[in-house]
């Protein structure tokens, strides 16, 4: 009888833990982004590296405790660098040049969770593909600060991405701390997010 009660109790605990995880989840968080390689081949490169605080949103489907699939959107931030023209404005018509860099990504992941015996804590790894967009532009300004010419150097690519994190949840509310890396422009992202488990 005691064994039967123990089995029933363990089954109930497992079902509660799975219910707390939820079948679907969605969340949003604050990110610290670092994009180190933003140059354009064949031109002088004053494009600034991106080191910024930005945001992300994600939605996931977790059919079993050890596996999930997830879609993320990440705004990786932007940065600008203004360079004063070394020659006289009257000679070339341009007094300063603004070099701007920005990036964003939409990613799809498969997540694997470690089978640890703590129902409210998850440790996971993730891998997938991302549609990565790197925007770069050069804008010339006259002595009055008005733009007189602009050139854009967008770059879109599908890249491999990976990550790892830890998350804790109580009931339907959870928080996660995560790292993501992109196989593009030496990009790394650290994030702190809140998420909601949907039954």
N, C-alpha and C. Protein backbone atom coordinates (compact mmCIF):
# COMPACT_ATOMS: atom_id res chain seq x y z
N UNK A 1 0.82 -1.20 0.00
CA UNK A 1 0.00 0.00 0.00
C UNK A 1 0.87 1.27 0.00
N UNK A 2 1.93 1.24 0.83
CA UNK A 2 2.83 2.39 0.86
C UNK A 2 3.49 2.61 -0.49
N UNK A 3 3.87 1.50 -1.15
CA UNK A 3 4.48 1.63 -2.48
C UNK A 3 3.51 2.25 -3.47
N UNK A 4 2.26 1.83 -3.41
CA UNK A 4 1.25 2.36 -4.31
C UNK A 4 1.07 3.86 -4.07
N UNK A 5 0.99 4.27 -2.81
CA UNK A 5 0.85 5.68 -2.48
C UNK A 5 2.06 6.48 -2.95
N UNK A 6 3.26 5.89 -2.81
CA UNK A 6 4.47 6.56 -3.26
C UNK A 6 4.47 6.75 -4.77
N UNK A 7 4.06 5.73 -5.52
CA UNK A 7 3.99 5.82 -6.98
C UNK A 7 2.99 6.89 -7.40
N UNK A 8 1.82 6.92 -6.73
CA UNK A 8 0.80 7.92 -7.06
C UNK A 8 1.32 9.33 -6.77
N UNK A 9 2.02 9.49 -5.63
CA UNK A 9 2.56 10.81 -5.27
C UNK A 9 3.60 11.27 -6.28
N UNK A 10 4.48 10.36 -6.70
CA UNK A 10 5.50 10.72 -7.69
C UNK A 10 4.86 11.08 -9.01
N UNK A 11 3.83 10.35 -9.41
CA UNK A 11 3.14 10.65 -10.67
C UNK A 11 2.47 12.01 -10.61
N UNK A 12 1.87 12.34 -9.48
CA UNK A 12 1.23 13.65 -9.33
C UNK A 12 2.26 14.77 -9.37
N UNK A 13 3.40 14.55 -8.71
CA UNK A 13 4.46 15.57 -8.75
C UNK A 13 4.97 15.79 -10.16
N UNK A 14 5.14 14.72 -10.90
CA UNK A 14 5.61 14.82 -12.29
C UNK A 14 4.60 15.56 -13.15
N UNK A 15 3.33 15.27 -12.96
CA UNK A 15 2.30 15.94 -13.76
C UNK A 15 2.21 17.42 -13.42
N UNK A 16 2.37 17.76 -12.12
CA UNK A 16 2.37 19.17 -11.72
C UNK A 16 3.55 19.91 -12.34
N UNK A 17 4.74 19.26 -12.29
CA UNK A 17 5.93 19.88 -12.88
C UNK A 17 5.74 20.12 -14.36
N UNK A 18 5.14 19.14 -15.06
CA UNK A 18 4.92 19.31 -16.50
C UNK A 18 3.89 20.40 -16.74
N UNK A 19 2.87 20.47 -15.89
CA UNK A 19 1.87 21.52 -16.05
C UNK A 19 2.47 22.89 -15.83
N UNK A 20 3.40 23.00 -14.82
CA UNK A 20 4.06 24.27 -14.60
C UNK A 20 4.88 24.70 -15.81
N UNK A 21 5.51 23.72 -16.48
CA UNK A 21 6.28 24.05 -17.67
C UNK A 21 5.39 24.60 -18.77
N UNK A 22 4.20 24.02 -18.93
CA UNK A 22 3.28 24.49 -19.94
C UNK A 22 3.61 23.94 -21.32
N UNK A 23 2.60 23.84 -22.16
CA UNK A 23 2.80 23.36 -23.51
C UNK A 23 3.34 24.47 -24.42
N UNK A 24 2.79 25.67 -24.25
CA UNK A 24 3.26 26.84 -24.99
C UNK A 24 3.77 27.89 -24.00
N UNK A 25 4.71 28.72 -24.46
CA UNK A 25 5.19 29.80 -23.61
C UNK A 25 5.58 30.98 -24.48
N UNK A 26 5.54 32.15 -23.91
CA UNK A 26 5.98 33.35 -24.60
C UNK A 26 6.64 34.28 -23.60
N UNK A 27 7.58 35.10 -24.10
CA UNK A 27 8.32 35.95 -23.20
C UNK A 27 9.00 37.11 -23.90
N UNK A 28 9.60 37.95 -23.10
CA UNK A 28 10.34 39.12 -23.60
C UNK A 28 11.44 39.43 -22.62
N UNK A 29 12.49 40.07 -23.12
CA UNK A 29 13.60 40.36 -22.23
C UNK A 29 14.49 41.49 -22.71
N UNK A 30 15.42 41.83 -21.84
CA UNK A 30 16.43 42.85 -22.11
C UNK A 30 17.70 42.14 -22.54
N UNK A 31 18.37 42.67 -23.56
CA UNK A 31 19.56 42.03 -24.11
C UNK A 31 20.76 42.98 -24.06
N UNK A 32 21.93 42.39 -23.90
CA UNK A 32 23.20 43.10 -24.06
C UNK A 32 23.86 42.51 -25.30
N UNK A 33 24.01 43.32 -26.35
CA UNK A 33 24.42 42.84 -27.67
C UNK A 33 25.82 43.33 -28.03
N UNK A 34 26.56 42.45 -28.71
CA UNK A 34 27.91 42.79 -29.15
C UNK A 34 28.09 42.26 -30.58
N UNK A 35 28.23 43.19 -31.53
CA UNK A 35 28.47 42.85 -32.93
C UNK A 35 29.79 43.49 -33.32
N UNK A 36 30.82 42.65 -33.51
CA UNK A 36 32.19 43.17 -33.63
C UNK A 36 32.70 43.33 -35.06
N UNK A 37 32.13 42.63 -36.02
CA UNK A 37 32.65 42.65 -37.38
C UNK A 37 31.59 43.22 -38.31
N UNK A 38 31.71 44.52 -38.63
CA UNK A 38 30.67 45.19 -39.42
C UNK A 38 31.23 45.87 -40.68
N UNK A 39 32.47 45.62 -41.03
CA UNK A 39 33.10 46.29 -42.16
C UNK A 39 32.53 45.86 -43.51
N UNK A 40 32.71 46.72 -44.50
CA UNK A 40 32.34 46.44 -45.89
C UNK A 40 33.62 46.32 -46.69
N UNK A 41 33.84 45.19 -47.36
CA UNK A 41 35.08 45.03 -48.14
C UNK A 41 35.20 46.08 -49.24
N UNK A 42 36.40 46.58 -49.44
CA UNK A 42 36.67 47.46 -50.56
C UNK A 42 36.52 48.94 -50.29
N UNK A 43 36.11 49.33 -49.07
CA UNK A 43 35.98 50.75 -48.76
C UNK A 43 36.65 51.01 -47.41
N UNK A 44 36.94 52.29 -47.15
CA UNK A 44 37.41 52.65 -45.81
C UNK A 44 36.30 52.34 -44.82
N UNK A 45 36.66 51.74 -43.71
CA UNK A 45 35.63 51.29 -42.78
C UNK A 45 35.72 52.05 -41.45
N UNK A 46 34.76 52.95 -41.27
CA UNK A 46 34.58 53.61 -39.99
C UNK A 46 33.26 53.17 -39.35
N UNK A 47 32.70 52.06 -39.88
CA UNK A 47 31.46 51.56 -39.29
C UNK A 47 31.73 51.13 -37.85
N UNK A 48 30.94 51.63 -36.89
CA UNK A 48 31.22 51.31 -35.50
C UNK A 48 30.71 49.92 -35.12
N UNK A 49 31.45 49.25 -34.24
CA UNK A 49 30.95 48.03 -33.64
C UNK A 49 29.69 48.35 -32.83
N UNK A 50 28.82 47.36 -32.73
CA UNK A 50 27.59 47.55 -31.96
C UNK A 50 27.79 46.95 -30.57
N UNK A 51 27.63 47.76 -29.57
CA UNK A 51 27.64 47.31 -28.19
C UNK A 51 26.52 48.06 -27.49
N UNK A 52 25.37 47.42 -27.36
CA UNK A 52 24.18 48.15 -26.94
C UNK A 52 23.26 47.29 -26.09
N UNK A 53 22.37 47.94 -25.40
CA UNK A 53 21.29 47.28 -24.67
C UNK A 53 20.02 47.40 -25.50
N UNK A 54 19.35 46.28 -25.73
CA UNK A 54 18.16 46.30 -26.56
C UNK A 54 17.15 45.29 -26.02
N UNK A 55 16.41 44.62 -26.89
CA UNK A 55 15.31 43.77 -26.44
C UNK A 55 15.10 42.58 -27.38
N UNK A 56 14.37 41.58 -26.88
CA UNK A 56 13.97 40.44 -27.68
C UNK A 56 12.61 39.94 -27.22
N UNK A 57 11.93 39.22 -28.10
CA UNK A 57 10.69 38.52 -27.77
C UNK A 57 10.80 37.09 -28.29
N UNK A 58 10.10 36.16 -27.66
CA UNK A 58 10.16 34.78 -28.11
C UNK A 58 8.86 34.06 -27.78
N UNK A 59 8.61 32.99 -28.53
CA UNK A 59 7.47 32.12 -28.30
C UNK A 59 7.93 30.69 -28.52
N UNK A 60 7.46 29.77 -27.70
CA UNK A 60 7.94 28.40 -27.80
C UNK A 60 6.84 27.37 -27.61
N UNK A 61 7.15 26.15 -28.02
CA UNK A 61 6.27 24.99 -27.90
C UNK A 61 7.09 23.87 -27.27
N UNK A 62 6.63 23.38 -26.10
CA UNK A 62 7.37 22.36 -25.36
C UNK A 62 6.48 21.13 -25.16
N UNK A 63 6.48 20.22 -26.12
CA UNK A 63 5.57 19.07 -26.04
C UNK A 63 5.95 18.06 -24.98
N UNK A 64 7.26 17.96 -24.67
CA UNK A 64 7.73 17.07 -23.61
C UNK A 64 8.74 17.83 -22.75
N UNK A 65 9.03 17.30 -21.58
CA UNK A 65 9.86 18.02 -20.62
C UNK A 65 11.27 18.29 -21.13
N UNK A 66 11.81 17.39 -21.97
CA UNK A 66 13.22 17.50 -22.37
C UNK A 66 13.43 18.18 -23.72
N UNK A 67 12.37 18.64 -24.38
CA UNK A 67 12.53 19.18 -25.74
C UNK A 67 11.53 20.30 -25.98
N UNK A 68 11.97 21.32 -26.74
CA UNK A 68 11.09 22.42 -27.16
C UNK A 68 11.59 22.99 -28.47
N UNK A 69 10.70 23.67 -29.15
CA UNK A 69 11.08 24.47 -30.32
C UNK A 69 10.66 25.91 -30.03
N UNK A 70 11.42 26.85 -30.59
CA UNK A 70 11.22 28.25 -30.21
C UNK A 70 11.52 29.17 -31.37
N UNK A 71 10.78 30.26 -31.46
CA UNK A 71 11.03 31.33 -32.43
C UNK A 71 11.35 32.61 -31.67
N UNK A 72 12.44 33.28 -32.05
CA UNK A 72 12.90 34.49 -31.37
C UNK A 72 13.03 35.63 -32.37
N UNK A 73 12.71 36.85 -31.92
CA UNK A 73 13.06 38.05 -32.66
C UNK A 73 13.97 38.88 -31.78
N UNK A 74 15.12 39.30 -32.30
CA UNK A 74 16.09 40.07 -31.54
C UNK A 74 16.42 41.37 -32.26
N UNK A 75 16.19 42.47 -31.60
CA UNK A 75 16.71 43.75 -32.06
C UNK A 75 18.10 43.89 -31.46
N UNK A 76 19.11 43.82 -32.29
CA UNK A 76 20.49 43.80 -31.81
C UNK A 76 21.09 45.19 -31.61
N UNK A 77 20.29 46.21 -31.83
CA UNK A 77 20.75 47.57 -31.55
C UNK A 77 21.46 48.22 -32.72
N UNK A 78 21.94 49.43 -32.48
CA UNK A 78 22.62 50.20 -33.52
C UNK A 78 23.68 51.09 -32.88
N UNK A 79 24.54 51.62 -33.73
CA UNK A 79 25.60 52.51 -33.25
C UNK A 79 26.00 53.44 -34.39
N UNK A 80 26.50 54.61 -34.06
CA UNK A 80 26.92 55.57 -35.09
C UNK A 80 28.27 56.17 -34.73
N UNK A 81 28.95 56.62 -35.76
CA UNK A 81 30.29 57.19 -35.61
C UNK A 81 30.42 58.36 -36.58
N UNK A 82 30.57 59.57 -36.08
CA UNK A 82 30.67 60.76 -36.94
C UNK A 82 32.14 61.15 -37.11
N UNK A 83 32.55 61.26 -38.36
CA UNK A 83 33.94 61.59 -38.69
C UNK A 83 33.96 62.95 -39.37
N UNK A 84 34.77 63.86 -38.86
CA UNK A 84 34.90 65.18 -39.48
C UNK A 84 35.75 65.07 -40.74
N UNK A 85 35.32 65.74 -41.80
CA UNK A 85 36.06 65.73 -43.06
C UNK A 85 37.39 66.47 -42.89
N UNK A 86 38.50 65.83 -43.26
CA UNK A 86 39.81 66.47 -43.02
C UNK A 86 40.07 67.66 -43.93
N UNK A 87 39.39 67.74 -45.08
CA UNK A 87 39.61 68.85 -46.01
C UNK A 87 38.60 69.96 -45.76
N UNK A 88 38.79 71.08 -46.39
CA UNK A 88 37.88 72.21 -46.23
C UNK A 88 36.50 71.85 -46.78
N UNK A 89 35.45 72.26 -46.07
CA UNK A 89 34.09 72.00 -46.54
C UNK A 89 33.85 72.63 -47.91
N UNK A 90 34.44 73.80 -48.12
CA UNK A 90 34.22 74.49 -49.39
C UNK A 90 34.81 73.71 -50.56
N UNK A 91 35.86 72.93 -50.30
CA UNK A 91 36.52 72.19 -51.38
C UNK A 91 35.70 70.98 -51.83
N UNK A 92 35.09 70.27 -50.89
CA UNK A 92 34.43 69.01 -51.25
C UNK A 92 32.93 69.00 -50.96
N UNK A 93 32.42 70.06 -50.31
CA UNK A 93 30.98 70.15 -50.07
C UNK A 93 30.47 69.35 -48.89
N UNK A 94 31.32 68.60 -48.23
CA UNK A 94 30.91 67.78 -47.09
C UNK A 94 31.75 68.13 -45.88
N UNK A 95 31.10 68.38 -44.74
CA UNK A 95 31.83 68.77 -43.53
C UNK A 95 31.98 67.63 -42.54
N UNK A 96 31.08 66.67 -42.58
CA UNK A 96 31.18 65.52 -41.69
C UNK A 96 30.48 64.32 -42.32
N UNK A 97 30.87 63.13 -41.86
CA UNK A 97 30.30 61.89 -42.39
C UNK A 97 29.88 61.02 -41.21
N UNK A 98 28.65 60.56 -41.23
CA UNK A 98 28.14 59.67 -40.18
C UNK A 98 28.13 58.24 -40.70
N UNK A 99 28.80 57.36 -39.97
CA UNK A 99 28.84 55.94 -40.28
C UNK A 99 27.94 55.23 -39.27
N UNK A 100 26.95 54.49 -39.75
CA UNK A 100 25.98 53.87 -38.86
C UNK A 100 25.91 52.37 -39.09
N UNK A 101 25.79 51.62 -37.99
CA UNK A 101 25.65 50.17 -38.04
C UNK A 101 24.43 49.77 -37.21
N UNK A 102 23.71 48.76 -37.69
CA UNK A 102 22.56 48.23 -36.95
C UNK A 102 22.32 46.79 -37.36
N UNK A 103 21.71 46.01 -36.47
CA UNK A 103 21.48 44.60 -36.79
C UNK A 103 20.22 44.11 -36.09
N UNK A 104 19.62 43.09 -36.68
CA UNK A 104 18.47 42.42 -36.09
C UNK A 104 18.44 40.99 -36.60
N UNK A 105 17.70 40.12 -35.94
CA UNK A 105 17.66 38.72 -36.35
C UNK A 105 16.33 38.09 -35.95
N UNK A 106 15.86 37.19 -36.81
CA UNK A 106 14.72 36.33 -36.50
C UNK A 106 15.24 34.90 -36.52
N UNK A 107 15.11 34.18 -35.40
CA UNK A 107 15.75 32.87 -35.27
C UNK A 107 14.75 31.80 -34.89
N UNK A 108 15.01 30.58 -35.36
CA UNK A 108 14.26 29.39 -34.97
C UNK A 108 15.20 28.40 -34.31
N UNK A 109 14.82 27.86 -33.16
CA UNK A 109 15.69 27.00 -32.37
C UNK A 109 15.02 25.68 -32.02
N UNK A 110 15.85 24.66 -31.82
CA UNK A 110 15.46 23.45 -31.10
C UNK A 110 16.19 23.49 -29.76
N UNK A 111 15.46 23.23 -28.67
CA UNK A 111 16.02 23.29 -27.33
C UNK A 111 16.03 21.90 -26.70
N UNK A 112 17.13 21.57 -26.04
CA UNK A 112 17.23 20.34 -25.26
C UNK A 112 17.47 20.67 -23.80
N UNK A 113 16.71 20.05 -22.89
CA UNK A 113 16.79 20.34 -21.46
C UNK A 113 17.46 19.18 -20.74
N UNK A 114 18.34 19.49 -19.80
CA UNK A 114 18.98 18.46 -19.00
C UNK A 114 17.96 17.83 -18.04
N UNK A 115 18.02 16.52 -17.87
CA UNK A 115 17.06 15.84 -16.98
C UNK A 115 17.46 15.95 -15.51
N UNK A 116 17.43 17.15 -14.98
CA UNK A 116 17.80 17.35 -13.58
C UNK A 116 16.55 17.18 -12.70
N UNK A 117 16.71 16.67 -11.47
CA UNK A 117 15.57 16.37 -10.61
C UNK A 117 15.06 17.57 -9.83
N UNK A 118 14.97 18.73 -10.47
CA UNK A 118 14.46 19.94 -9.84
C UNK A 118 13.31 20.46 -10.70
N UNK A 119 12.07 20.31 -10.25
CA UNK A 119 10.93 20.61 -11.11
C UNK A 119 10.78 22.08 -11.48
N UNK A 120 11.40 22.99 -10.73
CA UNK A 120 11.22 24.41 -11.02
C UNK A 120 12.44 25.05 -11.66
N UNK A 121 13.42 24.25 -12.05
CA UNK A 121 14.64 24.77 -12.64
C UNK A 121 14.97 23.99 -13.91
N UNK A 122 15.35 24.71 -14.96
CA UNK A 122 15.74 24.08 -16.23
C UNK A 122 17.10 24.61 -16.65
N UNK A 123 17.95 23.71 -17.13
CA UNK A 123 19.21 24.06 -17.79
C UNK A 123 19.13 23.51 -19.21
N UNK A 124 19.42 24.33 -20.20
CA UNK A 124 19.18 23.92 -21.57
C UNK A 124 20.25 24.43 -22.52
N UNK A 125 20.32 23.78 -23.66
CA UNK A 125 21.11 24.24 -24.79
C UNK A 125 20.18 24.41 -25.98
N UNK A 126 20.59 25.22 -26.94
CA UNK A 126 19.72 25.48 -28.10
C UNK A 126 20.58 25.65 -29.34
N UNK A 127 20.04 25.27 -30.48
CA UNK A 127 20.72 25.44 -31.76
C UNK A 127 19.67 25.62 -32.84
N UNK A 128 20.03 26.39 -33.88
CA UNK A 128 19.06 26.62 -34.94
C UNK A 128 19.63 27.49 -36.04
N UNK A 129 18.72 28.13 -36.78
CA UNK A 129 19.07 29.01 -37.89
C UNK A 129 18.43 30.37 -37.67
N UNK A 130 19.10 31.41 -38.16
CA UNK A 130 18.58 32.77 -38.02
C UNK A 130 18.64 33.49 -39.35
N UNK A 131 17.64 34.29 -39.59
CA UNK A 131 17.67 35.24 -40.70
C UNK A 131 18.25 36.53 -40.13
N UNK A 132 19.47 36.82 -40.52
CA UNK A 132 20.26 37.88 -39.90
C UNK A 132 20.34 39.07 -40.85
N UNK A 133 20.03 40.26 -40.35
CA UNK A 133 20.08 41.46 -41.18
C UNK A 133 21.04 42.47 -40.56
N UNK A 134 22.07 42.82 -41.32
CA UNK A 134 23.06 43.80 -40.90
C UNK A 134 22.92 45.04 -41.78
N UNK A 135 22.56 46.15 -41.17
CA UNK A 135 22.36 47.41 -41.89
C UNK A 135 23.54 48.35 -41.64
N UNK A 136 24.08 48.91 -42.72
CA UNK A 136 25.16 49.89 -42.61
C UNK A 136 24.88 51.03 -43.58
N UNK A 137 25.18 52.24 -43.16
CA UNK A 137 24.96 53.39 -44.04
C UNK A 137 26.01 54.46 -43.79
N UNK A 138 26.25 55.26 -44.82
CA UNK A 138 27.17 56.39 -44.75
C UNK A 138 26.39 57.62 -45.21
N UNK A 139 26.37 58.67 -44.37
CA UNK A 139 25.64 59.89 -44.70
C UNK A 139 26.57 61.09 -44.58
N UNK A 140 26.62 61.90 -45.65
CA UNK A 140 27.41 63.13 -45.65
C UNK A 140 26.54 64.30 -45.22
N UNK A 141 27.12 65.21 -44.42
CA UNK A 141 26.40 66.39 -43.93
C UNK A 141 27.16 67.66 -44.32
N UNK A 142 26.38 68.72 -44.62
CA UNK A 142 27.01 70.00 -44.94
C UNK A 142 27.28 70.79 -43.66
N UNK A 143 27.76 72.01 -43.80
CA UNK A 143 28.13 72.82 -42.63
C UNK A 143 26.94 73.14 -41.74
N UNK A 144 25.74 73.12 -42.30
CA UNK A 144 24.54 73.39 -41.51
C UNK A 144 23.97 72.16 -40.84
N UNK A 145 24.60 71.00 -41.04
CA UNK A 145 24.12 69.77 -40.43
C UNK A 145 23.04 69.06 -41.21
N UNK A 146 22.79 69.48 -42.44
CA UNK A 146 21.77 68.84 -43.27
C UNK A 146 22.41 67.72 -44.11
N UNK A 147 21.74 66.58 -44.25
CA UNK A 147 22.30 65.49 -45.07
C UNK A 147 22.30 65.87 -46.55
N UNK A 148 23.40 65.56 -47.23
CA UNK A 148 23.50 65.88 -48.66
C UNK A 148 23.69 64.63 -49.52
N UNK A 149 24.04 63.50 -48.89
CA UNK A 149 24.21 62.27 -49.65
C UNK A 149 24.18 61.09 -48.67
N UNK A 150 23.63 59.97 -49.11
CA UNK A 150 23.58 58.79 -48.24
C UNK A 150 23.73 57.54 -49.07
N UNK A 151 24.49 56.59 -48.55
CA UNK A 151 24.70 55.30 -49.21
C UNK A 151 24.46 54.19 -48.20
N UNK A 152 23.73 53.16 -48.62
CA UNK A 152 23.38 52.05 -47.73
C UNK A 152 24.09 50.78 -48.17
N UNK A 153 24.47 49.96 -47.19
CA UNK A 153 25.14 48.69 -47.44
C UNK A 153 24.46 47.59 -46.61
N UNK A 154 23.22 47.22 -46.99
CA UNK A 154 22.53 46.16 -46.24
C UNK A 154 23.10 44.79 -46.58
N UNK A 155 22.99 43.88 -45.64
CA UNK A 155 23.44 42.51 -45.85
C UNK A 155 22.49 41.56 -45.12
N UNK A 156 21.84 40.68 -45.87
CA UNK A 156 20.92 39.70 -45.30
C UNK A 156 21.48 38.30 -45.53
N UNK A 157 21.41 37.47 -44.52
CA UNK A 157 21.94 36.12 -44.66
C UNK A 157 21.27 35.19 -43.65
N UNK A 158 21.28 33.90 -43.98
CA UNK A 158 20.80 32.87 -43.06
C UNK A 158 22.01 32.21 -42.43
N UNK A 159 22.07 32.22 -41.10
CA UNK A 159 23.27 31.78 -40.39
C UNK A 159 22.92 30.78 -39.29
N UNK A 160 23.91 30.02 -38.90
CA UNK A 160 23.76 29.10 -37.77
C UNK A 160 23.83 29.89 -36.46
N UNK A 161 23.01 29.50 -35.50
CA UNK A 161 23.03 30.15 -34.20
C UNK A 161 22.86 29.12 -33.10
N UNK A 162 23.37 29.43 -31.93
CA UNK A 162 23.36 28.49 -30.82
C UNK A 162 23.26 29.27 -29.52
N UNK A 163 23.03 28.55 -28.42
CA UNK A 163 22.97 29.23 -27.14
C UNK A 163 22.81 28.25 -25.99
N UNK A 164 22.77 28.79 -24.79
CA UNK A 164 22.58 28.00 -23.57
C UNK A 164 22.01 28.92 -22.51
N UNK A 165 21.30 28.33 -21.56
CA UNK A 165 20.72 29.16 -20.53
C UNK A 165 20.21 28.36 -19.36
N UNK A 166 19.72 29.11 -18.38
CA UNK A 166 19.09 28.51 -17.21
C UNK A 166 17.81 29.30 -16.95
N UNK A 167 16.75 28.59 -16.57
CA UNK A 167 15.50 29.27 -16.29
C UNK A 167 14.84 28.64 -15.06
N UNK A 168 14.11 29.47 -14.33
CA UNK A 168 13.38 29.02 -13.15
C UNK A 168 11.94 29.51 -13.27
N UNK A 169 11.01 28.71 -12.76
CA UNK A 169 9.61 29.10 -12.85
C UNK A 169 8.85 28.66 -11.61
N UNK A 170 7.88 29.47 -11.25
CA UNK A 170 6.94 29.15 -10.18
C UNK A 170 5.55 29.32 -10.76
N UNK A 171 4.79 28.23 -10.82
CA UNK A 171 3.50 28.30 -11.49
C UNK A 171 3.69 28.57 -12.96
N UNK A 172 3.01 29.59 -13.47
CA UNK A 172 3.06 29.87 -14.90
C UNK A 172 4.06 30.97 -15.24
N UNK A 173 4.72 31.55 -14.25
CA UNK A 173 5.65 32.66 -14.48
C UNK A 173 7.08 32.18 -14.30
N UNK A 174 7.95 32.58 -15.23
CA UNK A 174 9.34 32.17 -15.14
C UNK A 174 10.29 33.27 -15.56
N UNK A 175 11.57 33.04 -15.30
CA UNK A 175 12.64 33.95 -15.70
C UNK A 175 13.80 33.13 -16.23
N UNK A 176 14.49 33.68 -17.22
CA UNK A 176 15.64 32.97 -17.79
C UNK A 176 16.82 33.91 -18.01
N UNK A 177 18.00 33.33 -17.86
CA UNK A 177 19.27 34.00 -18.15
C UNK A 177 19.93 33.20 -19.26
N UNK A 178 20.35 33.87 -20.35
CA UNK A 178 20.71 33.13 -21.55
C UNK A 178 21.85 33.81 -22.31
N UNK A 179 22.60 32.96 -23.03
CA UNK A 179 23.62 33.43 -23.99
C UNK A 179 23.25 32.89 -25.37
N UNK A 180 23.38 33.74 -26.39
CA UNK A 180 23.19 33.31 -27.79
C UNK A 180 24.35 33.81 -28.62
N UNK A 181 24.82 32.97 -29.53
CA UNK A 181 25.88 33.35 -30.46
C UNK A 181 25.42 33.13 -31.89
N UNK A 182 25.82 34.03 -32.78
CA UNK A 182 25.44 33.94 -34.19
C UNK A 182 26.70 33.79 -35.04
N UNK A 183 26.62 32.93 -36.03
CA UNK A 183 27.73 32.71 -36.94
C UNK A 183 27.75 33.81 -38.00
N UNK A 184 27.80 35.05 -37.52
CA UNK A 184 27.79 36.20 -38.41
C UNK A 184 28.30 37.42 -37.65
N UNK A 185 29.26 38.11 -38.20
CA UNK A 185 29.74 39.40 -37.69
C UNK A 185 30.17 39.33 -36.23
N UNK A 186 30.64 38.16 -35.80
CA UNK A 186 31.10 37.98 -34.41
C UNK A 186 30.06 38.50 -33.42
N UNK A 187 28.85 37.99 -33.53
CA UNK A 187 27.73 38.48 -32.74
C UNK A 187 27.48 37.60 -31.53
N UNK A 188 27.35 38.23 -30.35
CA UNK A 188 26.98 37.53 -29.14
C UNK A 188 25.93 38.34 -28.40
N UNK A 189 25.02 37.62 -27.72
CA UNK A 189 23.89 38.26 -27.04
C UNK A 189 23.73 37.63 -25.66
N UNK A 190 23.65 38.47 -24.64
CA UNK A 190 23.33 38.03 -23.29
C UNK A 190 21.97 38.62 -22.93
N UNK A 191 21.08 37.82 -22.36
CA UNK A 191 19.73 38.31 -22.11
C UNK A 191 19.20 37.86 -20.77
N UNK A 192 18.30 38.68 -20.23
CA UNK A 192 17.54 38.37 -19.03
C UNK A 192 16.08 38.59 -19.39
N UNK A 193 15.27 37.52 -19.28
CA UNK A 193 13.90 37.57 -19.78
C UNK A 193 12.91 37.05 -18.75
N UNK A 194 11.67 37.46 -18.90
CA UNK A 194 10.54 36.91 -18.19
C UNK A 194 9.66 36.20 -19.20
N UNK A 195 9.04 35.09 -18.80
CA UNK A 195 8.16 34.39 -19.71
C UNK A 195 6.95 33.86 -18.97
N UNK A 196 5.93 33.53 -19.76
CA UNK A 196 4.65 33.06 -19.24
C UNK A 196 4.33 31.71 -19.85
N UNK A 197 4.10 30.72 -19.03
CA UNK A 197 3.69 29.40 -19.51
C UNK A 197 2.19 29.40 -19.77
N UNK A 198 1.82 28.92 -20.95
CA UNK A 198 0.42 28.84 -21.33
C UNK A 198 0.01 27.37 -21.32
N UNK A 199 -1.09 27.07 -20.70
CA UNK A 199 -1.52 25.67 -20.57
C UNK A 199 -2.05 25.15 -21.90
